[in-house]
Amino acid sequence: MIRLERVCYRYEGSGAAVEDLSFEINRGEFAALLGENGAGKSTVAKLIDGLVKPASGTVTVAGLDTRKTKTSELAKRVGFLFQNPDRQICKNTVREELAFGLELRGLDRAAIDERVERTLRDFGFDGERGPFTLSRGERQRLALASIIAAEPEIMILDEPTTGLDYRECMRVMEAVKGLNENGATVLMICHDMEVVLDFARRALVLSKGRLIADGAARRIFRSACAMEKASLSPPQITQLSLRLGAGFEEADTVGELAEAIVKRRRAV
């Protein structure tokens, strides 16, 4: 579904943002892209979406070479959620915002109206509200809703929970989870390791533009080398289980930690 083969990209006047990067994400995966600030995460997202083209190597999305494919063509398959929804929202009402992407895809009016009404119901929006009268979290949900309405094969999320409180965060992520469960491939850039643990099944870790770790998120969080090199900290429960040591190695949630404690008491 997404394949990067020995990809390099450099911004003018600076060093390499991405260097000799190769990985593949299969259809239906929910993966997280992790790393310190400046590691190259957002550059990877832009490469996949076709917003920038590789200096060398190949980026293939849904069988299309991004260097040879128009960004408008890639946009029919890839939904991109910006970190800041205010850079994405451009219409005067919620209804118009939801319809905008569908109109660009050339859907007929009846199909557009049906999807817009369904999305309004699913997200609980008032279609006549002005987007910029909504809260920050609501605007993030609106940006996400406009992508979900388009039913993309692939969704790229650039820090989708930034600036959201816990309740808003869970509403956004549950919507993304639902899209993934319906078959969409999700690649999420995220600084919140708790969110990654709760939703992503795979983690890819970048450091200075290079891939330094790739595997099941739970396993990656237990790699002290990868975490330290990328200046990341594991989720709190994972940190606690690592400190507790033998018998707690696999505990990554409160429930798993409680179960491990019960087993330890029974063994005493």
C-alpha atoms as a PDB file:
ATOM      1  CA  MET A   1       0.000   0.000   0.000  1.00  0.00           C
ATOM      2  CA  ILE A   2       2.822   2.418   0.964  1.00  0.00           C
ATOM      3  CA  ARG A   3       6.416   1.677   0.017  1.00  0.00           C
ATOM      4  CA  LEU A   4       9.544   3.782   0.384  1.00  0.00           C
ATOM      5  CA  GLU A   5      12.692   2.420  -1.237  1.00  0.00           C
ATOM      6  CA  ARG A   6      16.022   4.077  -0.406  1.00  0.00           C
ATOM      7  CA  VAL A   7      14.405   7.501  -0.291  1.00  0.00           C
ATOM      8  CA  CYS A   8      16.420  10.672   0.255  1.00  0.00           C
ATOM      9  CA  TYR A   9      15.078  14.211   0.506  1.00  0.00           C
ATOM     10  CA  ARG A  10      16.864  17.448   1.383  1.00  0.00           C
ATOM     11  CA  TYR A  11      15.487  20.908   2.027  1.00  0.00           C
ATOM     12  CA  GLU A  12      17.366  23.661   0.250  1.00  0.00           C
ATOM     13  CA  GLY A  13      20.149  25.119   2.382  1.00  0.00           C
ATOM     14  CA  SER A  14      19.969  22.372   5.022  1.00  0.00           C
ATOM     15  CA  GLY A  15      21.098  18.827   5.561  1.00  0.00           C
ATOM     16  CA  ALA A  16      19.194  15.681   4.702  1.00  0.00           C
ATOM     17  CA  ALA A  17      15.688  15.522   6.149  1.00  0.00           C
ATOM     18  CA  VAL A  18      15.376  11.876   5.087  1.00  0.00           C
ATOM     19  CA  GLU A  19      18.329   9.649   4.272  1.00  0.00           C
ATOM     20  CA  ASP A  20      18.260   6.190   2.627  1.00  0.00           C
ATOM     21  CA  LEU A  21      14.824   5.456   4.077  1.00  0.00           C
ATOM     22  CA  SER A  22      13.052   2.190   3.253  1.00  0.00           C
ATOM     23  CA  PHE A  23       9.900   0.649   4.713  1.00  0.00           C
ATOM     24  CA  GLU A  24       6.545  -0.751   3.634  1.00  0.00           C
ATOM     25  CA  ILE A  25       3.104  -0.406   5.209  1.00  0.00           C
ATOM     26  CA  ASN A  26       0.527  -2.975   4.180  1.00  0.00           C
ATOM     27  CA  ARG A  27      -3.149  -2.448   3.496  1.00  0.00           C
ATOM     28  CA  GLY A  28      -5.221  -2.110   6.664  1.00  0.00           C
ATOM     29  CA  GLU A  29      -2.293  -1.474   9.043  1.00  0.00           C
ATOM     30  CA  PHE A  30      -2.406   1.136  11.804  1.00  0.00           C
ATOM     31  CA  ALA A  31       1.171   2.336  12.240  1.00  0.00           C
ATOM     32  CA  ALA A  32       2.750   5.204  14.165  1.00  0.00           C
ATOM     33  CA  LEU A  33       5.765   7.197  13.015  1.00  0.00           C
ATOM     34  CA  LEU A  34       7.835   8.326  16.008  1.00  0.00           C
ATOM     35  CA  GLY A  35      10.975  10.358  16.601  1.00  0.00           C
ATOM     36  CA  GLU A  36      12.430  13.525  18.052  1.00  0.00           C
ATOM     37  CA  ASN A  37      11.703  16.970  16.619  1.00  0.00           C
ATOM     38  CA  GLY A  38      13.480  17.264  13.283  1.00  0.00           C
ATOM     39  CA  ALA A  39      13.709  13.494  12.803  1.00  0.00           C
ATOM     40  CA  GLY A  40      11.961  13.723   9.427  1.00  0.00           C
ATOM     41  CA  LYS A  41       8.460  12.563  10.354  1.00  0.00           C
ATOM     42  CA  SER A  42       6.507  15.354   8.669  1.00  0.00           C
ATOM     43  CA  THR A  43       8.762  15.092   5.623  1.00  0.00           C
ATOM     44  CA  VAL A  44       7.847  11.412   5.315  1.00  0.00           C
ATOM     45  CA  ALA A  45       4.150  12.338   5.504  1.00  0.00           C
ATOM     46  CA  LYS A  46       4.588  14.909   2.731  1.00  0.00           C
ATOM     47  CA  LEU A  47       6.503  12.410   0.603  1.00  0.00           C
ATOM     48  CA  ILE A  48       3.676   9.907   0.887  1.00  0.00           C
ATOM     49  CA  ASP A  49       1.054  12.519   0.076  1.00  0.00           C
ATOM     50  CA  GLY A  50       3.051  13.760  -2.900  1.00  0.00           C
ATOM     51  CA  LEU A  51       3.472  17.270  -1.502  1.00  0.00           C
ATOM     52  CA  VAL A  52       7.230  16.850  -1.938  1.00  0.00           C
ATOM     53  CA  LYS A  53       9.043  14.488  -4.306  1.00  0.00           C
ATOM     54  CA  PRO A  54      12.058  12.340  -3.350  1.00  0.00           C
ATOM     55  CA  ALA A  55      15.475  13.557  -4.451  1.00  0.00           C
ATOM     56  CA  SER A  56      16.370   9.910  -4.961  1.00  0.00           C
ATOM     57  CA  GLY A  57      14.713   6.579  -4.345  1.00  0.00           C
ATOM     58  CA  THR A  58      11.073   5.717  -4.920  1.00  0.00           C
ATOM     59  CA  VAL A  59       7.844   6.380  -3.035  1.00  0.00           C
ATOM     60  CA  THR A  60       4.942   4.182  -4.145  1.00  0.00           C
ATOM     61  CA  VAL A  61       1.399   4.739  -2.835  1.00  0.00           C
ATOM     62  CA  ALA A  62      -1.431   2.386  -3.844  1.00  0.00           C
ATOM     63  CA  GLY A  63       0.724   1.260  -6.754  1.00  0.00           C
ATOM     64  CA  LEU A  64       1.460   4.820  -7.934  1.00  0.00           C
ATOM     65  CA  ASP A  65       4.945   6.331  -8.145  1.00  0.00           C
ATOM     66  CA  THR A  66       4.557   9.723  -6.443  1.00  0.00           C
ATOM     67  CA  ARG A  67       7.218  11.299  -8.661  1.00  0.00           C
ATOM     68  CA  LYS A  68       5.182  10.475 -11.772  1.00  0.00           C
ATOM     69  CA  THR A  69       1.690  11.013 -10.328  1.00  0.00           C
ATOM     70  CA  LYS A  70      -0.129  14.315  -9.885  1.00  0.00           C
ATOM     71  CA  THR A  71      -0.772  15.320  -6.284  1.00  0.00           C
ATOM     72  CA  SER A  72      -4.472  15.677  -7.164  1.00  0.00           C
ATOM     73  CA  GLU A  73      -4.528  12.025  -8.229  1.00  0.00           C
ATOM     74  CA  LEU A  74      -2.838  10.887  -5.010  1.00  0.00           C
ATOM     75  CA  ALA A  75      -5.330  12.978  -3.010  1.00  0.00           C
ATOM     76  CA  LYS A  76      -8.119  10.706  -4.249  1.00  0.00           C
ATOM     77  CA  ARG A  77      -6.504   7.871  -2.318  1.00  0.00           C
ATOM     78  CA  VAL A  78      -4.764   9.634   0.575  1.00  0.00           C
ATOM     79  CA  GLY A  79      -6.469  11.698   3.267  1.00  0.00           C
ATOM     80  CA  PHE A  80      -4.069  14.048   5.058  1.00  0.00           C
ATOM     81  CA  LEU A  81      -4.958  15.460   8.478  1.00  0.00           C
ATOM     82  CA  PHE A  82      -2.792  18.481   9.258  1.00  0.00           C
ATOM     83  CA  GLN A  83      -1.462  19.134  12.741  1.00  0.00           C
ATOM     84  CA  ASN A  84      -3.243  22.508  12.701  1.00  0.00           C
ATOM     85  CA  PRO A  85      -6.860  22.253  11.457  1.00  0.00           C
ATOM     86  CA  ASP A  86      -6.913  25.984  10.721  1.00  0.00           C
ATOM     87  CA  ARG A  87      -4.562  25.310   7.808  1.00  0.00           C
ATOM     88  CA  GLN A  88      -7.051  22.823   6.404  1.00  0.00           C
ATOM     89  CA  ILE A  89     -10.481  24.380   6.936  1.00  0.00           C
ATOM     90  CA  CYS A  90     -11.434  26.828   4.194  1.00  0.00           C
ATOM     91  CA  LYS A  91     -15.245  27.091   3.968  1.00  0.00           C
ATOM     92  CA  ASN A  92     -17.858  29.253   5.685  1.00  0.00           C
ATOM     93  CA  THR A  93     -20.046  26.506   7.148  1.00  0.00           C
ATOM     94  CA  VAL A  94     -19.491  23.011   8.487  1.00  0.00           C
ATOM     95  CA  ARG A  95     -21.728  21.602   5.752  1.00  0.00           C
ATOM     96  CA  GLU A  96     -19.735  23.324   3.012  1.00  0.00           C
ATOM     97  CA  GLU A  97     -16.471  22.128   4.543  1.00  0.00           C
ATOM     98  CA  LEU A  98     -17.630  18.519   4.541  1.00  0.00           C
ATOM     99  CA  ALA A  99     -18.826  18.816   0.948  1.00  0.00           C
ATOM    100  CA  PHE A 100     -15.711  20.539  -0.388  1.00  0.00           C
ATOM    101  CA  GLY A 101     -13.432  17.498  -0.660  1.00  0.00           C
ATOM    102  CA  LEU A 102     -16.235  15.420  -2.162  1.00  0.00           C
ATOM    103  CA  GLU A 103     -16.848  18.056  -4.825  1.00  0.00           C
ATOM    104  CA  LEU A 104     -13.157  18.009  -5.737  1.00  0.00           C
ATOM    105  CA  ARG A 105     -13.421  14.249  -6.211  1.00  0.00           C
ATOM    106  CA  GLY A 106     -16.206  14.748  -8.733  1.00  0.00           C
ATOM    107  CA  LEU A 107     -19.006  12.951  -6.907  1.00  0.00           C
ATOM    108  CA  ASP A 108     -22.546  13.674  -8.056  1.00  0.00           C
ATOM    109  CA  ARG A 109     -24.714  15.964  -5.940  1.00  0.00           C
ATOM    110  CA  ALA A 110     -26.892  13.193  -4.520  1.00  0.00           C
ATOM    111  CA  ALA A 111     -23.849  11.215  -3.306  1.00  0.00           C
ATOM    112  CA  ILE A 112     -22.297  14.344  -1.801  1.00  0.00           C
ATOM    113  CA  ASP A 113     -25.475  15.271   0.066  1.00  0.00           C
ATOM    114  CA  GLU A 114     -25.880  11.717   1.398  1.00  0.00           C
ATOM    115  CA  ARG A 115     -22.299  11.547   2.718  1.00  0.00           C
ATOM    116  CA  VAL A 116     -22.465  15.026   4.234  1.00  0.00           C
ATOM    117  CA  GLU A 117     -25.709  14.272   6.106  1.00  0.00           C
ATOM    118  CA  ARG A 118     -24.338  10.950   7.341  1.00  0.00           C
ATOM    119  CA  THR A 119     -21.133  12.603   8.562  1.00  0.00           C
ATOM    120  CA  LEU A 120     -23.072  15.372  10.311  1.00  0.00           C
ATOM    121  CA  ARG A 121     -25.066  12.715  12.185  1.00  0.00           C
ATOM    122  CA  ASP A 122     -22.016  10.586  13.022  1.00  0.00           C
ATOM    123  CA  PHE A 123     -20.040  13.532  14.428  1.00  0.00           C
ATOM    124  CA  GLY A 124     -22.941  15.490  15.882  1.00  0.00           C
ATOM    125  CA  PHE A 125     -22.183  18.712  14.008  1.00  0.00           C
ATOM    126  CA  ASP A 126     -24.583  21.533  13.192  1.00  0.00           C
ATOM    127  CA  GLY A 127     -24.096  21.945   9.459  1.00  0.00           C
ATOM    128  CA  GLU A 128     -24.866  25.660   9.519  1.00  0.00           C
ATOM    129  CA  ARG A 129     -22.246  26.553  12.140  1.00  0.00           C
ATOM    130  CA  GLY A 130     -19.227  28.559  11.045  1.00  0.00           C
ATOM    131  CA  PRO A 131     -16.109  26.385  11.435  1.00  0.00           C
ATOM    132  CA  PHE A 132     -14.198  29.110  13.258  1.00  0.00           C
ATOM    133  CA  THR A 133     -16.915  29.445  15.888  1.00  0.00           C
ATOM    134  CA  LEU A 134     -16.011  25.892  16.966  1.00  0.00           C
ATOM    135  CA  SER A 135     -13.478  25.043  19.672  1.00  0.00           C
ATOM    136  CA  ARG A 136      -9.965  23.889  18.762  1.00  0.00           C
ATOM    137  CA  GLY A 137     -10.917  20.281  19.407  1.00  0.00           C
ATOM    138  CA  GLU A 138     -14.121  20.591  17.378  1.00  0.00           C
ATOM    139  CA  ARG A 139     -12.205  22.078  14.449  1.00  0.00           C
ATOM    140  CA  GLN A 140      -9.810  19.132  14.596  1.00  0.00           C
ATOM    141  CA  ARG A 141     -12.781  16.768  14.523  1.00  0.00           C
ATOM    142  CA  LEU A 142     -14.258  18.698  11.588  1.00  0.00           C
ATOM    143  CA  ALA A 143     -11.018  18.408   9.617  1.00  0.00           C
ATOM    144  CA  LEU A 144     -11.002  14.677  10.364  1.00  0.00           C
ATOM    145  CA  ALA A 145     -14.696  14.343   9.481  1.00  0.00           C
ATOM    146  CA  SER A 146     -14.117  15.951   6.096  1.00  0.00           C
ATOM    147  CA  ILE A 147     -11.479  13.301   5.366  1.00  0.00           C
ATOM    148  CA  ILE A 148     -13.614  10.410   6.628  1.00  0.00           C
ATOM    149  CA  ALA A 149     -16.513  11.601   4.444  1.00  0.00           C
ATOM    150  CA  ALA A 150     -14.230  11.111   1.422  1.00  0.00           C
ATOM    151  CA  GLU A 151     -13.571   7.472   2.458  1.00  0.00           C
ATOM    152  CA  PRO A 152      -9.829   7.438   1.594  1.00  0.00           C
ATOM    153  CA  GLU A 153      -7.854   4.229   1.225  1.00  0.00           C
ATOM    154  CA  ILE A 154      -5.000   5.740   3.220  1.00  0.00           C
ATOM    155  CA  MET A 155      -5.008   8.268   6.049  1.00  0.00           C
ATOM    156  CA  ILE A 156      -1.935  10.249   7.112  1.00  0.00           C
ATOM    157  CA  LEU A 157      -2.315  11.958  10.489  1.00  0.00           C
ATOM    158  CA  ASP A 158       0.228  14.601  11.486  1.00  0.00           C
ATOM    159  CA  GLU A 159      -0.003  14.993  15.279  1.00  0.00           C
ATOM    160  CA  PRO A 160      -3.818  14.570  15.358  1.00  0.00           C
ATOM    161  CA  THR A 161      -4.140  15.060  19.142  1.00  0.00           C
ATOM    162  CA  THR A 162      -2.049  18.216  19.571  1.00  0.00           C
ATOM    163  CA  GLY A 163      -3.913  20.805  21.660  1.00  0.00           C
ATOM    164  CA  LEU A 164      -6.784  18.465  22.543  1.00  0.00           C
ATOM    165  CA  ASP A 165      -7.938  17.529  26.024  1.00  0.00           C
ATOM    166  CA  TYR A 166      -8.399  13.848  26.884  1.00  0.00           C
ATOM    167  CA  ARG A 167     -12.076  13.731  25.926  1.00  0.00           C
ATOM    168  CA  GLU A 168     -11.496  15.437  22.571  1.00  0.00           C
ATOM    169  CA  CYS A 169      -8.469  13.227  21.938  1.00  0.00           C
ATOM    170  CA  MET A 170     -10.459  10.037  22.465  1.00  0.00           C
ATOM    171  CA  ARG A 171     -13.280  11.211  20.200  1.00  0.00           C
ATOM    172  CA  VAL A 172     -10.825  11.928  17.395  1.00  0.00           C
ATOM    173  CA  MET A 173      -8.913   8.676  17.843  1.00  0.00           C
ATOM    174  CA  GLU A 174     -12.020   6.496  18.115  1.00  0.00           C
ATOM    175  CA  ALA A 175     -13.163   7.941  14.784  1.00  0.00           C
ATOM    176  CA  VAL A 176      -9.776   7.087  13.260  1.00  0.00           C
ATOM    177  CA  LYS A 177      -9.945   3.596  14.758  1.00  0.00           C
ATOM    178  CA  GLY A 178     -13.348   3.078  13.164  1.00  0.00           C
ATOM    179  CA  LEU A 179     -11.983   4.107   9.769  1.00  0.00           C
ATOM    180  CA  ASN A 180      -9.109   1.655  10.176  1.00  0.00           C
ATOM    181  CA  GLU A 181     -11.448  -1.159  11.198  1.00  0.00           C
ATOM    182  CA  ASN A 182     -13.373  -0.517   7.984  1.00  0.00           C
ATOM    183  CA  GLY A 183     -10.226  -1.179   5.969  1.00  0.00           C
ATOM    184  CA  ALA A 184      -8.347   2.134   5.737  1.00  0.00           C
ATOM    185  CA  THR A 185      -4.575   2.146   6.155  1.00  0.00           C
ATOM    186  CA  VAL A 186      -3.458   4.622   8.844  1.00  0.00           C
ATOM    187  CA  LEU A 187      -0.032   6.179   9.402  1.00  0.00           C
ATOM    188  CA  MET A 188       0.007   8.490  12.424  1.00  0.00           C
ATOM    189  CA  ILE A 189       2.741  10.894  13.501  1.00  0.00           C
ATOM    190  CA  CYS A 190       2.287  11.287  17.235  1.00  0.00           C
ATOM    191  CA  HIS A 191       4.202  12.673  20.222  1.00  0.00           C
ATOM    192  CA  ASP A 192       1.852  11.060  22.763  1.00  0.00           C
ATOM    193  CA  MET A 193       3.125   7.565  23.495  1.00  0.00           C
ATOM    194  CA  GLU A 194      -0.014   6.685  25.460  1.00  0.00           C
ATOM    195  CA  VAL A 195      -2.125   7.316  22.339  1.00  0.00           C
ATOM    196  CA  VAL A 196       0.298   5.277  20.240  1.00  0.00           C
ATOM    197  CA  LEU A 197       0.078   2.356  22.667  1.00  0.00           C
ATOM    198  CA  ASP A 198      -3.731   2.500  22.760  1.00  0.00           C
ATOM    199  CA  PHE A 199      -4.315   2.675  19.009  1.00  0.00           C
ATOM    200  CA  ALA A 200      -1.298   1.805  16.839  1.00  0.00           C
ATOM    201  CA  ARG A 201      -0.199  -1.784  16.397  1.00  0.00           C
ATOM    202  CA  ARG A 202       3.135  -0.981  14.766  1.00  0.00           C
ATOM    203  CA  ALA A 203       5.731   1.710  15.427  1.00  0.00           C
ATOM    204  CA  LEU A 204       8.452   3.026  13.151  1.00  0.00           C
ATOM    205  CA  VAL A 205      11.106   5.172  14.835  1.00  0.00           C
ATOM    206  CA  LEU A 206      13.122   7.824  13.002  1.00  0.00           C
ATOM    207  CA  SER A 207      16.241   9.597  14.179  1.00  0.00           C
ATOM    208  CA  LYS A 208      18.025  12.206  12.057  1.00  0.00           C
ATOM    209  CA  GLY A 209      16.159  11.105   8.961  1.00  0.00           C
ATOM    210  CA  ARG A 210      16.947   7.411   9.298  1.00  0.00           C
ATOM    211  CA  LEU A 211      14.813   4.474  10.386  1.00  0.00           C
ATOM    212  CA  ILE A 212      16.281   3.036  13.587  1.00  0.00           C
ATOM    213  CA  ALA A 213      13.489   0.704  14.739  1.00  0.00           C
ATOM    214  CA  ASP A 214      10.386  -0.930  13.247  1.00  0.00           C
ATOM    215  CA  GLY A 215       8.073  -3.459  14.842  1.00  0.00           C
ATOM    216  CA  ALA A 216       5.169  -4.042  17.205  1.00  0.00           C
ATOM    217  CA  ALA A 217       4.608  -0.879  19.243  1.00  0.00           C
ATOM    218  CA  ARG A 218       4.824  -2.748  22.561  1.00  0.00           C
ATOM    219  CA  ARG A 219       8.187  -4.235  21.624  1.00  0.00           C
ATOM    220  CA  ILE A 220       9.568  -0.924  20.376  1.00  0.00           C
ATOM    221  CA  PHE A 221       8.660   0.782  23.663  1.00  0.00           C
ATOM    222  CA  ARG A 222      10.787  -1.790  25.466  1.00  0.00           C
ATOM    223  CA  SER A 223      13.848  -1.063  23.330  1.00  0.00           C
ATOM    224  CA  ALA A 224      15.916   1.223  25.543  1.00  0.00           C
ATOM    225  CA  CYS A 225      18.346   1.827  22.690  1.00  0.00           C
ATOM    226  CA  ALA A 226      15.678   3.033  20.245  1.00  0.00           C
ATOM    227  CA  MET A 227      13.877   5.139  22.853  1.00  0.00           C
ATOM    228  CA  GLU A 228      17.069   6.846  23.982  1.00  0.00           C
ATOM    229  CA  LYS A 229      18.382   7.443  20.470  1.00  0.00           C
ATOM    230  CA  ALA A 230      15.081   9.057  19.416  1.00  0.00           C
ATOM    231  CA  SER A 231      14.771  11.051  22.683  1.00  0.00           C
ATOM    232  CA  LEU A 232      11.478   9.339  23.513  1.00  0.00           C
ATOM    233  CA  SER A 233      10.005   7.967  26.738  1.00  0.00           C
ATOM    234  CA  PRO A 234       7.801   4.863  26.824  1.00  0.00           C
ATOM    235  CA  PRO A 235       4.208   5.128  28.107  1.00  0.00           C
ATOM    236  CA  GLN A 236       4.002   5.465  31.901  1.00  0.00           C
ATOM    237  CA  ILE A 237       2.676   1.950  32.586  1.00  0.00           C
ATOM    238  CA  THR A 238       5.383   0.475  30.372  1.00  0.00           C
ATOM    239  CA  GLN A 239       8.028   2.458  32.262  1.00  0.00           C
ATOM    240  CA  LEU A 240       6.657   1.199  35.574  1.00  0.00           C
ATOM    241  CA  SER A 241       6.575  -2.431  34.427  1.00  0.00           C
ATOM    242  CA  LEU A 242      10.182  -2.179  33.243  1.00  0.00           C
ATOM    243  CA  ARG A 243      11.213  -0.852  36.655  1.00  0.00           C
ATOM    244  CA  LEU A 244       9.335  -3.622  38.463  1.00  0.00           C
ATOM    245  CA  GLY A 245      11.211  -6.226  36.438  1.00  0.00           C
ATOM    246  CA  ALA A 246      10.579  -9.982  36.438  1.00  0.00           C
ATOM    247  CA  GLY A 247       6.912 -10.929  36.204  1.00  0.00           C
ATOM    248  CA  PHE A 248       5.855  -7.512  34.917  1.00  0.00           C
ATOM    249  CA  GLU A 249       7.687  -7.441  31.571  1.00  0.00           C
ATOM    250  CA  GLU A 250       4.536  -7.667  29.428  1.00  0.00           C
ATOM    251  CA  ALA A 251       2.349  -5.207  31.352  1.00  0.00           C
ATOM    252  CA  ASP A 252       1.465  -2.196  29.222  1.00  0.00           C
ATOM    253  CA  THR A 253      -1.971  -1.321  30.605  1.00  0.00           C
ATOM    254  CA  VAL A 254      -3.426  -0.817  34.081  1.00  0.00           C
ATOM    255  CA  GLY A 255      -5.377  -4.057  33.698  1.00  0.00           C
ATOM    256  CA  GLU A 256      -2.292  -6.046  32.715  1.00  0.00           C
ATOM    257  CA  LEU A 257      -0.300  -4.552  35.559  1.00  0.00           C
ATOM    258  CA  ALA A 258      -3.049  -5.425  38.056  1.00  0.00           C
ATOM    259  CA  GLU A 259      -3.165  -8.970  36.714  1.00  0.00           C
ATOM    260  CA  ALA A 260       0.613  -9.299  37.110  1.00  0.00           C
ATOM    261  CA  ILE A 261       0.404  -8.080  40.702  1.00  0.00           C
ATOM    262  CA  VAL A 262      -2.299 -10.652  41.492  1.00  0.00           C
ATOM    263  CA  LYS A 263      -0.162 -13.425  40.007  1.00  0.00           C
ATOM    264  CA  ARG A 264       2.838 -12.267  42.032  1.00  0.00           C
ATOM    265  CA  ARG A 265       0.793 -12.335  45.272  1.00  0.00           C
ATOM    266  CA  ARG A 266      -0.522 -15.823  44.536  1.00  0.00           C
ATOM    267  CA  ALA A 267       3.020 -17.036  43.927  1.00  0.00           C
ATOM    268  CA  VAL A 268       4.247 -15.751  47.301  1.00  0.00           C
END
